[in-house]
Amino acid sequence: MMPHLGEELWRRLGHGQLLVETPWPEADGRLTVDNSVTIAVQVNGKLRATIELPPTPRRRLRNPRPWPRMPCSARSRASRRAR
C-alpha cells in the first residue's frame, strides 16, 4: 500500500515522472560539515557547562588495529571465554 501512496503523493506534488524512475538526489558534502563542536563539561556526573570549539582536522592513527596481533589459538580461546 505504501508504494502506491508514495506515487500518489508524488503526482499530487506536481511531478510528471514516476517516483520510482526519479534518480536519488546528490548529497552536498559542504552541508555535512559542522562549523563548531559542542563539548559538555561534567563534574560528578552533572552538567556544569558547555564549550563551543571549532572542529579540528581528524588525524590518522599510526596503528589502526586496537589490539595486538595474537596467534590463532590464543584468539579462539579469548573468544570462547567472552561467550
Protein backbone atom coordinates (compact mmCIF):
# COMPACT_ATOMS: atom_id res chain seq x y z
CA MET A 1 0.00 0.00 0.00
CA MET A 2 2.82 2.47 0.84
CA PRO A 3 4.48 2.46 -2.61
CA HIS A 4 1.11 3.33 -4.16
CA LEU A 5 0.54 6.09 -1.60
CA GLY A 6 4.01 7.48 -2.25
CA GLU A 7 3.39 7.57 -6.00
CA GLU A 8 0.04 9.28 -5.49
CA LEU A 9 1.54 11.97 -3.22
CA TRP A 10 4.43 12.47 -5.67
CA ARG A 11 1.94 13.03 -8.51
CA ARG A 12 -0.13 15.48 -6.42
CA LEU A 13 3.00 17.50 -5.68
CA GLY A 14 3.13 18.19 -9.41
CA HIS A 15 5.85 15.83 -10.62
CA GLY A 16 5.22 14.29 -14.05
CA GLN A 17 7.75 11.47 -13.77
CA LEU A 18 7.07 8.39 -11.63
CA LEU A 19 8.73 8.42 -8.22
CA VAL A 20 10.28 5.01 -8.93
CA GLU A 21 12.02 6.40 -12.03
CA THR A 22 13.31 9.54 -10.28
CA PRO A 23 17.08 9.46 -9.54
CA TRP A 24 18.30 9.88 -5.96
CA PRO A 25 19.37 13.44 -5.12
CA GLU A 26 23.11 14.12 -4.94
CA ALA A 27 24.46 14.92 -1.47
CA ASP A 28 26.31 18.20 -0.95
CA GLY A 29 29.36 17.49 1.23
CA ARG A 30 29.63 21.13 2.30
CA LEU A 31 26.33 20.84 4.17
CA THR A 32 27.52 17.92 6.31
CA VAL A 33 30.48 19.76 7.89
CA ASP A 34 29.92 21.25 11.32
CA ASN A 35 31.18 24.78 11.95
CA SER A 36 31.58 24.12 15.67
CA VAL A 37 31.74 21.23 18.12
CA THR A 38 29.94 21.34 21.48
CA ILE A 39 31.81 19.73 24.40
CA ALA A 40 29.99 19.05 27.69
CA VAL A 41 31.79 19.78 30.98
CA GLN A 42 30.60 17.49 33.77
CA VAL A 43 31.52 17.32 37.46
CA ASN A 44 30.32 14.26 39.41
CA GLY A 45 28.01 13.35 36.53
CA LYS A 46 26.25 16.73 36.49
CA LEU A 47 26.41 19.07 33.53
CA ARG A 48 28.18 22.27 34.60
CA ALA A 49 28.90 23.96 31.27
CA THR A 50 29.20 23.52 27.54
CA ILE A 51 32.07 24.74 25.38
CA GLU A 52 31.79 25.61 21.68
CA LEU A 53 35.03 24.94 19.79
CA PRO A 54 35.97 24.98 16.11
CA PRO A 55 36.41 21.46 14.72
CA THR A 56 39.94 20.15 14.39
CA PRO A 57 41.07 18.05 11.44
CA ARG A 58 40.95 14.30 12.05
CA ARG A 59 44.28 12.54 12.42
CA ARG A 60 45.03 9.05 11.24
CA LEU A 61 46.12 6.58 13.88
CA ARG A 62 49.54 5.04 13.45
CA ASN A 63 48.25 1.58 14.24
CA PRO A 64 44.57 1.28 13.29
CA ARG A 65 44.33 -2.18 14.91
CA PRO A 66 43.12 -1.65 18.52
CA TRP A 67 44.57 -4.92 19.85
CA PRO A 68 47.94 -6.63 19.49
CA ARG A 69 48.21 -9.46 17.00
CA MET A 70 47.63 -12.84 18.65
CA PRO A 71 48.20 -16.33 17.30
CA CYS A 72 45.02 -18.06 16.09
CA SER A 73 44.86 -20.42 19.09
CA ALA A 74 45.00 -17.54 21.60
CA ARG A 75 42.32 -15.65 19.65
CA SER A 76 39.95 -18.62 19.69
CA ARG A 77 40.49 -19.13 23.43
CA ALA A 78 39.76 -15.45 24.06
CA SER A 79 36.55 -15.58 22.03
CA ARG A 80 35.40 -18.72 23.89
CA ARG A 81 36.00 -17.00 27.24
CA ALA A 82 33.99 -13.95 26.15
CA ARG A 83 30.87 -16.08 25.49
